[in-house]
C-alpha cells in the first residue's frame, strides 16, 4: 500500500495579491482534512478571496465536496469567495453531479 503523502499534495502559493491552494492527487476522506487546513490557513491570513487550484486532482469524493462547501459558506459570511480554479475533467464531473458549478466560483483557462 502506498503512502497517502505520495498520492496527495496541497500547498499554499502566494502569487501577487492572491493566495492559491494548489492541490495534486486524490481528494478523499483521508486527504480532505489537509485541504481544509490549507484553506483555513489562507482564510485566516489573507483578506481576499481564496483560490483552490484543482487542475492536478484526479479524484474527488463527498468529503472533499463538504470541505469546499464549508469553505464557500465561511468565506461568503465575510463577503469573500472560494474560487475553484481549473478543475480537472474528473473534478468538474463530480462538481456537476453535485450541482455545485453554479454555487462555487469556477475559473477555467481563459477566464
PDB file of N, CA and C in Angstrom:
ATOM      1  N   UNK A   1       0.848  -1.171   0.000  1.00  0.00           N
ATOM      2  CA  UNK A   1       0.000   0.000   0.000  1.00  0.00           C
ATOM      3  C   UNK A   1       0.893   1.232   0.000  1.00  0.00           C
ATOM      4  N   UNK A   2       0.516   2.196  -0.823  1.00  0.00           N
ATOM      5  CA  UNK A   2       1.336   3.394  -0.900  1.00  0.00           C
ATOM      6  C   UNK A   2       0.932   4.397   0.168  1.00  0.00           C
ATOM      7  N   UNK A   3       1.842   5.277   0.463  1.00  0.00           N
ATOM      8  CA  UNK A   3       1.637   6.302   1.475  1.00  0.00           C
ATOM      9  C   UNK A   3       0.753   7.423   0.920  1.00  0.00           C
ATOM     10  N   UNK A   4      -0.156   7.933   1.738  1.00  0.00           N
ATOM     11  CA  UNK A   4      -1.060   8.995   1.317  1.00  0.00           C
ATOM     12  C   UNK A   4      -0.282  10.204   0.809  1.00  0.00           C
ATOM     13  N   UNK A   5       0.825  10.540   1.457  1.00  0.00           N
ATOM     14  CA  UNK A   5       1.572  11.730   1.075  1.00  0.00           C
ATOM     15  C   UNK A   5       2.136  11.625  -0.337  1.00  0.00           C
ATOM     16  N   UNK A   6       2.334  10.390  -0.854  1.00  0.00           N
ATOM     17  CA  UNK A   6       2.816  10.223  -2.215  1.00  0.00           C
ATOM     18  C   UNK A   6       1.695  10.451  -3.226  1.00  0.00           C
ATOM     19  N   UNK A   7       0.438  10.258  -2.816  1.00  0.00           N
ATOM     20  CA  UNK A   7      -0.696  10.373  -3.712  1.00  0.00           C
ATOM     21  C   UNK A   7      -1.364  11.743  -3.645  1.00  0.00           C
ATOM     22  N   UNK A   8      -1.013  12.550  -2.650  1.00  0.00           N
ATOM     23  CA  UNK A   8      -1.701  13.804  -2.423  1.00  0.00           C
ATOM     24  C   UNK A   8      -0.719  14.869  -1.972  1.00  0.00           C
ATOM     25  N   UNK A   9      -0.963  16.089  -2.476  1.00  0.00           N
ATOM     26  CA  UNK A   9      -0.170  17.219  -2.022  1.00  0.00           C
ATOM     27  C   UNK A   9      -1.039  18.468  -2.115  1.00  0.00           C
ATOM     28  N   UNK A  10      -0.967  19.297  -1.115  1.00  0.00           N
ATOM     29  CA  UNK A  10      -1.641  20.602  -1.132  1.00  0.00           C
ATOM     30  C   UNK A  10      -0.690  21.609  -0.520  1.00  0.00           C
ATOM     31  N   UNK A  11      -0.480  22.691  -1.235  1.00  0.00           N
ATOM     32  CA  UNK A  11       0.394  23.731  -0.703  1.00  0.00           C
ATOM     33  C   UNK A  11      -0.171  25.105  -1.040  1.00  0.00           C
ATOM     34  N   UNK A  12       0.127  26.045  -0.188  1.00  0.00           N
ATOM     35  CA  UNK A  12      -0.307  27.415  -0.391  1.00  0.00           C
ATOM     36  C   UNK A  12       0.793  28.150  -1.148  1.00  0.00           C
ATOM     37  N   UNK A  13       0.403  28.759  -2.264  1.00  0.00           N
ATOM     38  CA  UNK A  13       1.332  29.526  -3.084  1.00  0.00           C
ATOM     39  C   UNK A  13       0.826  30.967  -3.112  1.00  0.00           C
ATOM     40  N   UNK A  14       1.666  31.889  -2.700  1.00  0.00           N
ATOM     41  CA  UNK A  14       1.296  33.303  -2.685  1.00  0.00           C
ATOM     42  C   UNK A  14       1.733  33.899  -4.007  1.00  0.00           C
ATOM     43  N   UNK A  15       0.766  34.363  -4.804  1.00  0.00           N
ATOM     44  CA  UNK A  15       1.032  34.931  -6.120  1.00  0.00           C
ATOM     45  C   UNK A  15       0.486  36.349  -6.162  1.00  0.00           C
ATOM     46  N   UNK A  16       1.376  37.308  -6.256  1.00  0.00           N
ATOM     47  CA  UNK A  16       0.986  38.721  -6.263  1.00  0.00           C
ATOM     48  C   UNK A  16       0.027  39.004  -5.127  1.00  0.00           C
ATOM     49  N   UNK A  17      -1.209  39.347  -5.459  1.00  0.00           N
ATOM     50  CA  UNK A  17      -2.160  39.711  -4.402  1.00  0.00           C
ATOM     51  C   UNK A  17      -3.109  38.577  -4.041  1.00  0.00           C
ATOM     52  N   UNK A  18      -2.877  37.383  -4.583  1.00  0.00           N
ATOM     53  CA  UNK A  18      -3.775  36.287  -4.252  1.00  0.00           C
ATOM     54  C   UNK A  18      -3.026  35.108  -3.648  1.00  0.00           C
ATOM     55  N   UNK A  19      -3.767  34.359  -2.861  1.00  0.00           N
ATOM     56  CA  UNK A  19      -3.227  33.137  -2.270  1.00  0.00           C
ATOM     57  C   UNK A  19      -3.930  31.965  -2.940  1.00  0.00           C
ATOM     58  N   UNK A  20      -3.144  31.008  -3.396  1.00  0.00           N
ATOM     59  CA  UNK A  20      -3.699  29.869  -4.120  1.00  0.00           C
ATOM     60  C   UNK A  20      -3.317  28.581  -3.394  1.00  0.00           C
ATOM     61  N   UNK A  21      -4.335  27.747  -3.123  1.00  0.00           N
ATOM     62  CA  UNK A  21      -4.094  26.412  -2.595  1.00  0.00           C
ATOM     63  C   UNK A  21      -4.006  25.501  -3.813  1.00  0.00           C
ATOM     64  N   UNK A  22      -2.813  25.009  -4.096  1.00  0.00           N
ATOM     65  CA  UNK A  22      -2.587  24.139  -5.248  1.00  0.00           C
ATOM     66  C   UNK A  22      -2.653  22.695  -4.765  1.00  0.00           C
ATOM     67  N   UNK A  23      -3.576  21.938  -5.370  1.00  0.00           N
ATOM     68  CA  UNK A  23      -3.839  20.574  -4.932  1.00  0.00           C
ATOM     69  C   UNK A  23      -3.488  19.605  -6.053  1.00  0.00           C
ATOM     70  N   UNK A  24      -2.822  18.504  -5.690  1.00  0.00           N
ATOM     71  CA  UNK A  24      -2.493  17.442  -6.633  1.00  0.00           C
ATOM     72  C   UNK A  24      -2.816  16.099  -6.006  1.00  0.00           C
ATOM     73  N   UNK A  25      -3.358  15.198  -6.819  1.00  0.00           N
ATOM     74  CA  UNK A  25      -3.636  13.843  -6.345  1.00  0.00           C
ATOM     75  C   UNK A  25      -5.104  13.612  -6.093  1.00  0.00           C
ATOM     76  N   UNK A  26      -5.380  12.768  -5.108  1.00  0.00           N
ATOM     77  CA  UNK A  26      -6.746  12.376  -4.797  1.00  0.00           C
ATOM     78  C   UNK A  26      -7.253  13.092  -3.550  1.00  0.00           C
ATOM     79  N   UNK A  27      -8.459  13.645  -3.652  1.00  0.00           N
ATOM     80  CA  UNK A  27      -9.108  14.285  -2.511  1.00  0.00           C
ATOM     81  C   UNK A  27     -10.196  13.359  -2.008  1.00  0.00           C
ATOM     82  N   UNK A  28      -9.944  12.754  -0.855  1.00  0.00           N
ATOM     83  CA  UNK A  28     -10.899  11.801  -0.297  1.00  0.00           C
ATOM     84  C   UNK A  28     -10.941  11.953   1.221  1.00  0.00           C
ATOM     85  N   UNK A  29     -11.556  11.009   1.886  1.00  0.00           N
ATOM     86  CA  UNK A  29     -11.714  11.073   3.337  1.00  0.00           C
ATOM     87  C   UNK A  29     -10.370  11.216   4.054  1.00  0.00           C
ATOM     88  N   UNK A  30      -9.336  10.591   3.524  1.00  0.00           N
ATOM     89  CA  UNK A  30      -8.019  10.650   4.166  1.00  0.00           C
ATOM     90  C   UNK A  30      -7.300  11.973   3.929  1.00  0.00           C
ATOM     91  N   UNK A  31      -7.542  12.619   2.796  1.00  0.00           N
ATOM     92  CA  UNK A  31      -6.785  13.818   2.444  1.00  0.00           C
ATOM     93  C   UNK A  31      -7.569  15.126   2.591  1.00  0.00           C
ATOM     94  N   UNK A  32      -8.872  15.044   2.656  1.00  0.00           N
ATOM     95  CA  UNK A  32      -9.700  16.256   2.776  1.00  0.00           C
ATOM     96  C   UNK A  32      -9.358  17.116   3.987  1.00  0.00           C
ATOM     97  N   UNK A  33      -9.010  16.526   5.142  1.00  0.00           N
ATOM     98  CA  UNK A  33      -8.620  17.384   6.272  1.00  0.00           C
ATOM     99  C   UNK A  33      -7.396  18.255   5.971  1.00  0.00           C
ATOM    100  N   UNK A  34      -6.477  17.757   5.155  1.00  0.00           N
ATOM    101  CA  UNK A  34      -5.310  18.560   4.789  1.00  0.00           C
ATOM    102  C   UNK A  34      -5.712  19.716   3.877  1.00  0.00           C
ATOM    103  N   UNK A  35      -6.674  19.469   2.987  1.00  0.00           N
ATOM    104  CA  UNK A  35      -7.187  20.560   2.161  1.00  0.00           C
ATOM    105  C   UNK A  35      -7.854  21.603   3.037  1.00  0.00           C
ATOM    106  N   UNK A  36      -8.678  21.158   3.972  1.00  0.00           N
ATOM    107  CA  UNK A  36      -9.369  22.089   4.875  1.00  0.00           C
ATOM    108  C   UNK A  36      -8.361  22.927   5.652  1.00  0.00           C
ATOM    109  N   UNK A  37      -7.284  22.316   6.117  1.00  0.00           N
ATOM    110  CA  UNK A  37      -6.262  23.053   6.877  1.00  0.00           C
ATOM    111  C   UNK A  37      -5.588  24.117   6.008  1.00  0.00           C
ATOM    112  N   UNK A  38      -5.306  23.790   4.754  1.00  0.00           N
ATOM    113  CA  UNK A  38      -4.687  24.770   3.852  1.00  0.00           C
ATOM    114  C   UNK A  38      -5.637  25.934   3.577  1.00  0.00           C
ATOM    115  N   UNK A  39      -6.910  25.620   3.327  1.00  0.00           N
ATOM    116  CA  UNK A  39      -7.892  26.677   3.083  1.00  0.00           C
ATOM    117  C   UNK A  39      -8.035  27.557   4.320  1.00  0.00           C
ATOM    118  N   UNK A  40      -8.088  26.930   5.503  1.00  0.00           N
ATOM    119  CA  UNK A  40      -8.196  27.697   6.748  1.00  0.00           C
ATOM    120  C   UNK A  40      -6.994  28.610   6.943  1.00  0.00           C
ATOM    121  N   UNK A  41      -5.798  28.105   6.623  1.00  0.00           N
ATOM    122  CA  UNK A  41      -4.584  28.915   6.764  1.00  0.00           C
ATOM    123  C   UNK A  41      -4.681  30.173   5.902  1.00  0.00           C
ATOM    124  N   UNK A  42      -5.111  29.991   4.666  1.00  0.00           N
ATOM    125  CA  UNK A  42      -5.231  31.135   3.768  1.00  0.00           C
ATOM    126  C   UNK A  42      -6.317  32.083   4.262  1.00  0.00           C
ATOM    127  N   UNK A  43      -7.474  31.540   4.613  1.00  0.00           N
ATOM    128  CA  UNK A  43      -8.601  32.370   5.062  1.00  0.00           C
ATOM    129  C   UNK A  43      -8.235  33.178   6.306  1.00  0.00           C
ATOM    130  N   UNK A  44      -7.422  32.596   7.171  1.00  0.00           N
ATOM    131  CA  UNK A  44      -7.037  33.266   8.412  1.00  0.00           C
ATOM    132  C   UNK A  44      -5.969  34.350   8.198  1.00  0.00           C
ATOM    133  N   UNK A  45      -5.173  34.243   7.131  1.00  0.00           N
ATOM    134  CA  UNK A  45      -4.045  35.153   6.935  1.00  0.00           C
ATOM    135  C   UNK A  45      -4.138  36.000   5.670  1.00  0.00           C
ATOM    136  N   UNK A  46      -5.254  35.932   4.978  1.00  0.00           N
ATOM    137  CA  UNK A  46      -5.409  36.660   3.724  1.00  0.00           C
ATOM    138  C   UNK A  46      -6.812  37.239   3.675  1.00  0.00           C
ATOM    139  N   UNK A  47      -6.916  38.527   3.415  1.00  0.00           N
ATOM    140  CA  UNK A  47      -8.215  39.196   3.481  1.00  0.00           C
ATOM    141  C   UNK A  47      -9.065  39.020   2.226  1.00  0.00           C
ATOM    142  N   UNK A  48      -8.482  38.528   1.152  1.00  0.00           N
ATOM    143  CA  UNK A  48      -9.225  38.419  -0.101  1.00  0.00           C
ATOM    144  C   UNK A  48      -9.867  37.063  -0.301  1.00  0.00           C
ATOM    145  N   UNK A  49     -10.242  36.823  -1.549  1.00  0.00           N
ATOM    146  CA  UNK A  49     -10.813  35.534  -1.917  1.00  0.00           C
ATOM    147  C   UNK A  49      -9.763  34.439  -1.756  1.00  0.00           C
ATOM    148  N   UNK A  50     -10.226  33.209  -1.615  1.00  0.00           N
ATOM    149  CA  UNK A  50      -9.341  32.050  -1.515  1.00  0.00           C
ATOM    150  C   UNK A  50      -9.492  31.248  -2.797  1.00  0.00           C
ATOM    151  N   UNK A  51      -8.381  30.997  -3.475  1.00  0.00           N
ATOM    152  CA  UNK A  51      -8.378  30.247  -4.722  1.00  0.00           C
ATOM    153  C   UNK A  51      -7.873  28.832  -4.442  1.00  0.00           C
ATOM    154  N   UNK A  52      -8.610  27.841  -4.944  1.00  0.00           N
ATOM    155  CA  UNK A  52      -8.187  26.443  -4.843  1.00  0.00           C
ATOM    156  C   UNK A  52      -8.005  25.929  -6.262  1.00  0.00           C
ATOM    157  N   UNK A  53      -6.765  25.604  -6.616  1.00  0.00           N
ATOM    158  CA  UNK A  53      -6.439  25.113  -7.957  1.00  0.00           C
ATOM    159  C   UNK A  53      -6.548  23.586  -7.961  1.00  0.00           C
ATOM    160  N   UNK A  54      -7.537  23.072  -8.711  1.00  0.00           N
ATOM    161  CA  UNK A  54      -7.792  21.631  -8.745  1.00  0.00           C
ATOM    162  C   UNK A  54      -7.339  20.986 -10.049  1.00  0.00           C
ATOM    163  N   UNK A  55      -6.487  21.652 -10.815  1.00  0.00           N
ATOM    164  CA  UNK A  55      -6.043  21.109 -12.099  1.00  0.00           C
ATOM    165  C   UNK A  55      -5.359  19.751 -11.946  1.00  0.00           C
ATOM    166  N   UNK A  56      -4.678  19.541 -10.837  1.00  0.00           N
ATOM    167  CA  UNK A  56      -3.942  18.301 -10.636  1.00  0.00           C
ATOM    168  C   UNK A  56      -4.681  17.246  -9.835  1.00  0.00           C
ATOM    169  N   UNK A  57      -5.986  17.425  -9.637  1.00  0.00           N
ATOM    170  CA  UNK A  57      -6.763  16.474  -8.835  1.00  0.00           C
ATOM    171  C   UNK A  57      -7.348  15.402  -9.746  1.00  0.00           C
ATOM    172  N   UNK A  58      -7.057  14.149  -9.420  1.00  0.00           N
ATOM    173  CA  UNK A  58      -7.524  13.025 -10.233  1.00  0.00           C
ATOM    174  C   UNK A  58      -8.794  12.379  -9.694  1.00  0.00           C
ATOM    175  N   UNK A  59      -9.137  12.657  -8.432  1.00  0.00           N
ATOM    176  CA  UNK A  59     -10.315  12.061  -7.809  1.00  0.00           C
ATOM    177  C   UNK A  59     -10.788  12.995  -6.711  1.00  0.00           C
ATOM    178  N   UNK A  60     -12.113  13.115  -6.580  1.00  0.00           N
ATOM    179  CA  UNK A  60     -12.696  13.981  -5.565  1.00  0.00           C
ATOM    180  C   UNK A  60     -13.960  13.291  -5.057  1.00  0.00           C
ATOM    181  N   UNK A  61     -14.078  13.130  -3.725  1.00  0.00           N
ATOM    182  CA  UNK A  61     -15.274  12.471  -3.186  1.00  0.00           C
ATOM    183  C   UNK A  61     -16.106  13.439  -2.360  1.00  0.00           C
ATOM    184  N   UNK A  62     -17.138  12.916  -1.725  1.00  0.00           N
ATOM    185  CA  UNK A  62     -18.077  13.761  -0.983  1.00  0.00           C
ATOM    186  C   UNK A  62     -17.427  14.473   0.198  1.00  0.00           C
ATOM    187  N   UNK A  63     -16.395  13.897   0.789  1.00  0.00           N
ATOM    188  CA  UNK A  63     -15.734  14.582   1.904  1.00  0.00           C
ATOM    189  C   UNK A  63     -15.019  15.834   1.408  1.00  0.00           C
ATOM    190  N   UNK A  64     -14.478  15.792   0.217  1.00  0.00           N
ATOM    191  CA  UNK A  64     -13.841  16.974  -0.372  1.00  0.00           C
ATOM    192  C   UNK A  64     -14.889  18.012  -0.743  1.00  0.00           C
ATOM    193  N   UNK A  65     -16.042  17.557  -1.250  1.00  0.00           N
ATOM    194  CA  UNK A  65     -17.132  18.480  -1.551  1.00  0.00           C
ATOM    195  C   UNK A  65     -17.567  19.209  -0.287  1.00  0.00           C
ATOM    196  N   UNK A  66     -17.638  18.474   0.816  1.00  0.00           N
ATOM    197  CA  UNK A  66     -18.028  19.076   2.098  1.00  0.00           C
ATOM    198  C   UNK A  66     -17.041  20.165   2.499  1.00  0.00           C
ATOM    199  N   UNK A  67     -15.750  19.924   2.314  1.00  0.00           N
ATOM    200  CA  UNK A  67     -14.719  20.920   2.638  1.00  0.00           C
ATOM    201  C   UNK A  67     -14.895  22.160   1.768  1.00  0.00           C
ATOM    202  N   UNK A  68     -15.123  21.971   0.474  1.00  0.00           N
ATOM    203  CA  UNK A  68     -15.289  23.105  -0.431  1.00  0.00           C
ATOM    204  C   UNK A  68     -16.537  23.916  -0.099  1.00  0.00           C
ATOM    205  N   UNK A  69     -17.643  23.235   0.176  1.00  0.00           N
ATOM    206  CA  UNK A  69     -18.883  23.942   0.508  1.00  0.00           C
ATOM    207  C   UNK A  69     -18.748  24.679   1.839  1.00  0.00           C
ATOM    208  N   UNK A  70     -18.132  24.041   2.834  1.00  0.00           N
ATOM    209  CA  UNK A  70     -17.939  24.693   4.137  1.00  0.00           C
ATOM    210  C   UNK A  70     -17.069  25.935   3.985  1.00  0.00           C
ATOM    211  N   UNK A  71     -16.014  25.843   3.173  1.00  0.00           N
ATOM    212  CA  UNK A  71     -15.148  26.999   2.945  1.00  0.00           C
ATOM    213  C   UNK A  71     -15.909  28.094   2.197  1.00  0.00           C
ATOM    214  N   UNK A  72     -16.707  27.701   1.226  1.00  0.00           N
ATOM    215  CA  UNK A  72     -17.534  28.666   0.484  1.00  0.00           C
ATOM    216  C   UNK A  72     -18.448  29.431   1.444  1.00  0.00           C
ATOM    217  N   UNK A  73     -19.117  28.724   2.324  1.00  0.00           N
ATOM    218  CA  UNK A  73     -20.046  29.357   3.271  1.00  0.00           C
ATOM    219  C   UNK A  73     -19.306  30.264   4.254  1.00  0.00           C
ATOM    220  N   UNK A  74     -18.155  29.778   4.763  1.00  0.00           N
ATOM    221  CA  UNK A  74     -17.364  30.580   5.712  1.00  0.00           C
ATOM    222  C   UNK A  74     -16.915  31.885   5.077  1.00  0.00           C
ATOM    223  N   UNK A  75     -16.406  31.796   3.858  1.00  0.00           N
ATOM    224  CA  UNK A  75     -15.909  32.987   3.185  1.00  0.00           C
ATOM    225  C   UNK A  75     -17.046  33.927   2.798  1.00  0.00           C
ATOM    226  N   UNK A  76     -18.175  33.370   2.381  1.00  0.00           N
ATOM    227  CA  UNK A  76     -19.326  34.196   1.997  1.00  0.00           C
ATOM    228  C   UNK A  76     -19.818  35.026   3.171  1.00  0.00           C
ATOM    229  N   UNK A  77     -19.689  34.503   4.383  1.00  0.00           N
ATOM    230  CA  UNK A  77     -20.079  35.265   5.577  1.00  0.00           C
ATOM    231  C   UNK A  77     -19.268  36.552   5.719  1.00  0.00           C
ATOM    232  N   UNK A  78     -18.066  36.563   5.160  1.00  0.00           N
ATOM    233  CA  UNK A  78     -17.208  37.748   5.216  1.00  0.00           C
ATOM    234  C   UNK A  78     -17.127  38.471   3.882  1.00  0.00           C
ATOM    235  N   UNK A  79     -18.117  38.262   3.021  1.00  0.00           N
ATOM    236  CA  UNK A  79     -18.131  38.880   1.685  1.00  0.00           C
ATOM    237  C   UNK A  79     -16.894  38.530   0.863  1.00  0.00           C
ATOM    238  N   UNK A  80     -16.442  37.294   1.005  1.00  0.00           N
ATOM    239  CA  UNK A  80     -15.318  36.778   0.232  1.00  0.00           C
ATOM    240  C   UNK A  80     -15.793  35.560  -0.550  1.00  0.00           C
ATOM    241  N   UNK A  81     -14.969  35.106  -1.476  1.00  0.00           N
ATOM    242  CA  UNK A  81     -15.351  33.948  -2.285  1.00  0.00           C
ATOM    243  C   UNK A  81     -14.313  32.838  -2.202  1.00  0.00           C
ATOM    244  N   UNK A  82     -14.803  31.624  -2.364  1.00  0.00           N
ATOM    245  CA  UNK A  82     -13.937  30.483  -2.642  1.00  0.00           C
ATOM    246  C   UNK A  82     -13.968  30.327  -4.152  1.00  0.00           C
ATOM    247  N   UNK A  83     -12.814  30.422  -4.786  1.00  0.00           N
ATOM    248  CA  UNK A  83     -12.710  30.297  -6.236  1.00  0.00           C
ATOM    249  C   UNK A  83     -12.049  28.966  -6.546  1.00  0.00           C
ATOM    250  N   UNK A  84     -12.729  28.135  -7.318  1.00  0.00           N
ATOM    251  CA  UNK A  84     -12.173  26.856  -7.757  1.00  0.00           C
ATOM    252  C   UNK A  84     -11.582  27.090  -9.144  1.00  0.00           C
ATOM    253  N   UNK A  85     -10.265  26.957  -9.235  1.00  0.00           N
ATOM    254  CA  UNK A  85      -9.557  27.241 -10.480  1.00  0.00           C
ATOM    255  C   UNK A  85      -9.200  25.939 -11.199  1.00  0.00           C
ATOM    256  N   UNK A  86      -9.453  25.931 -12.490  1.00  0.00           N
ATOM    257  CA  UNK A  86      -9.038  24.859 -13.387  1.00  0.00           C
ATOM    258  C   UNK A  86      -9.380  23.462 -12.891  1.00  0.00           C
ATOM    259  N   UNK A  87     -10.646  23.205 -12.571  1.00  0.00           N
ATOM    260  CA  UNK A  87     -10.968  21.843 -12.145  1.00  0.00           C
ATOM    261  C   UNK A  87     -10.652  20.851 -13.259  1.00  0.00           C
ATOM    262  N   UNK A  88     -10.018  19.753 -12.897  1.00  0.00           N
ATOM    263  CA  UNK A  88      -9.735  18.701 -13.876  1.00  0.00           C
ATOM    264  C   UNK A  88     -11.057  18.143 -14.392  1.00  0.00           C
ATOM    265  N   UNK A  89     -11.010  17.374 -15.458  1.00  0.00           N
ATOM    266  CA  UNK A  89     -12.234  16.777 -16.001  1.00  0.00           C
ATOM    267  C   UNK A  89     -12.943  15.925 -14.950  1.00  0.00           C
ATOM    268  N   UNK A  90     -12.175  15.131 -14.203  1.00  0.00           N
ATOM    269  CA  UNK A  90     -12.768  14.277 -13.169  1.00  0.00           C
ATOM    270  C   UNK A  90     -13.427  15.114 -12.086  1.00  0.00           C
ATOM    271  N   UNK A  91     -12.765  16.186 -11.686  1.00  0.00           N
ATOM    272  CA  UNK A  91     -13.298  17.068 -10.654  1.00  0.00           C
ATOM    273  C   UNK A  91     -14.534  17.812 -11.147  1.00  0.00           C
ATOM    274  N   UNK A  92     -14.482  18.296 -12.367  1.00  0.00           N
ATOM    275  CA  UNK A  92     -15.623  19.012 -12.945  1.00  0.00           C
ATOM    276  C   UNK A  92     -16.842  18.100 -13.010  1.00  0.00           C
ATOM    277  N   UNK A  93     -16.653  16.842 -13.343  1.00  0.00           N
ATOM    278  CA  UNK A  93     -17.774  15.893 -13.403  1.00  0.00           C
ATOM    279  C   UNK A  93     -18.448  15.745 -12.045  1.00  0.00           C
ATOM    280  N   UNK A  94     -17.660  15.625 -10.991  1.00  0.00           N
ATOM    281  CA  UNK A  94     -18.221  15.486  -9.644  1.00  0.00           C
ATOM    282  C   UNK A  94     -18.926  16.773  -9.227  1.00  0.00           C
ATOM    283  N   UNK A  95     -18.320  17.913  -9.505  1.00  0.00           N
ATOM    284  CA  UNK A  95     -18.954  19.194  -9.181  1.00  0.00           C
ATOM    285  C   UNK A  95     -20.279  19.366  -9.931  1.00  0.00           C
ATOM    286  N   UNK A  96     -20.325  18.886 -11.165  1.00  0.00           N
ATOM    287  CA  UNK A  96     -21.548  18.964 -11.962  1.00  0.00           C
ATOM    288  C   UNK A  96     -22.643  18.093 -11.359  1.00  0.00           C
ATOM    289  N   UNK A  97     -22.322  16.850 -11.061  1.00  0.00           N
ATOM    290  CA  UNK A  97     -23.301  15.924 -10.481  1.00  0.00           C
ATOM    291  C   UNK A  97     -23.803  16.443  -9.138  1.00  0.00           C
ATOM    292  N   UNK A  98     -22.920  17.064  -8.364  1.00  0.00           N
ATOM    293  CA  UNK A  98     -23.298  17.596  -7.055  1.00  0.00           C
ATOM    294  C   UNK A  98     -24.065  18.918  -7.166  1.00  0.00           C
ATOM    295  N   UNK A  99     -24.145  19.472  -8.363  1.00  0.00           N
ATOM    296  CA  UNK A  99     -24.866  20.727  -8.554  1.00  0.00           C
ATOM    297  C   UNK A  99     -24.116  21.944  -8.044  1.00  0.00           C
ATOM    298  N   UNK A 100     -22.798  21.864  -7.979  1.00  0.00           N
ATOM    299  CA  UNK A 100     -22.005  22.954  -7.393  1.00  0.00           C
ATOM    300  C   UNK A 100     -21.371  23.901  -8.412  1.00  0.00           C
ATOM    301  N   UNK A 101     -21.529  23.629  -9.695  1.00  0.00           N
ATOM    302  CA  UNK A 101     -20.922  24.513 -10.694  1.00  0.00           C
ATOM    303  C   UNK A 101     -21.507  25.914 -10.652  1.00  0.00           C
ATOM    304  N   UNK A 102     -22.750  26.041 -10.220  1.00  0.00           N
ATOM    305  CA  UNK A 102     -23.355  27.363 -10.139  1.00  0.00           C
ATOM    306  C   UNK A 102     -23.244  27.956  -8.735  1.00  0.00           C
ATOM    307  N   UNK A 103     -22.904  27.136  -7.753  1.00  0.00           N
ATOM    308  CA  UNK A 103     -22.757  27.615  -6.379  1.00  0.00           C
ATOM    309  C   UNK A 103     -21.358  28.169  -6.137  1.00  0.00           C
ATOM    310  N   UNK A 104     -20.360  27.442  -6.578  1.00  0.00           N
ATOM    311  CA  UNK A 104     -18.969  27.858  -6.391  1.00  0.00           C
ATOM    312  C   UNK A 104     -18.527  28.728  -7.557  1.00  0.00           C
ATOM    313  N   UNK A 105     -17.586  29.612  -7.302  1.00  0.00           N
ATOM    314  CA  UNK A 105     -16.989  30.403  -8.378  1.00  0.00           C
ATOM    315  C   UNK A 105     -15.964  29.518  -9.074  1.00  0.00           C
ATOM    316  N   UNK A 106     -16.207  29.204 -10.337  1.00  0.00           N
ATOM    317  CA  UNK A 106     -15.331  28.311 -11.095  1.00  0.00           C
ATOM    318  C   UNK A 106     -14.562  29.139 -12.119  1.00  0.00           C
ATOM    319  N   UNK A 107     -13.239  28.992 -12.126  1.00  0.00           N
ATOM    320  CA  UNK A 107     -12.383  29.632 -13.131  1.00  0.00           C
ATOM    321  C   UNK A 107     -11.771  28.551 -13.991  1.00  0.00           C
ATOM    322  N   UNK A 108     -11.926  28.688 -15.293  1.00  0.00           N
ATOM    323  CA  UNK A 108     -11.298  27.764 -16.227  1.00  0.00           C
ATOM    324  C   UNK A 108     -10.306  28.548 -17.071  1.00  0.00           C
ATOM    325  N   UNK A 109      -9.398  27.866 -17.740  1.00  0.00           N
ATOM    326  CA  UNK A 109      -8.417  28.600 -18.558  1.00  0.00           C
ATOM    327  C   UNK A 109      -9.111  29.550 -19.517  1.00  0.00           C
ATOM    328  N   UNK A 110      -8.567  30.754 -19.612  1.00  0.00           N
ATOM    329  CA  UNK A 110      -9.130  31.764 -20.488  1.00  0.00           C
ATOM    330  C   UNK A 110     -10.126  32.688 -19.810  1.00  0.00           C
ATOM    331  N   UNK A 111     -10.433  32.452 -18.529  1.00  0.00           N
ATOM    332  CA  UNK A 111     -11.376  33.311 -17.803  1.00  0.00           C
ATOM    333  C   UNK A 111     -10.653  34.125 -16.751  1.00  0.00           C
TER     334      UNK A 111
END
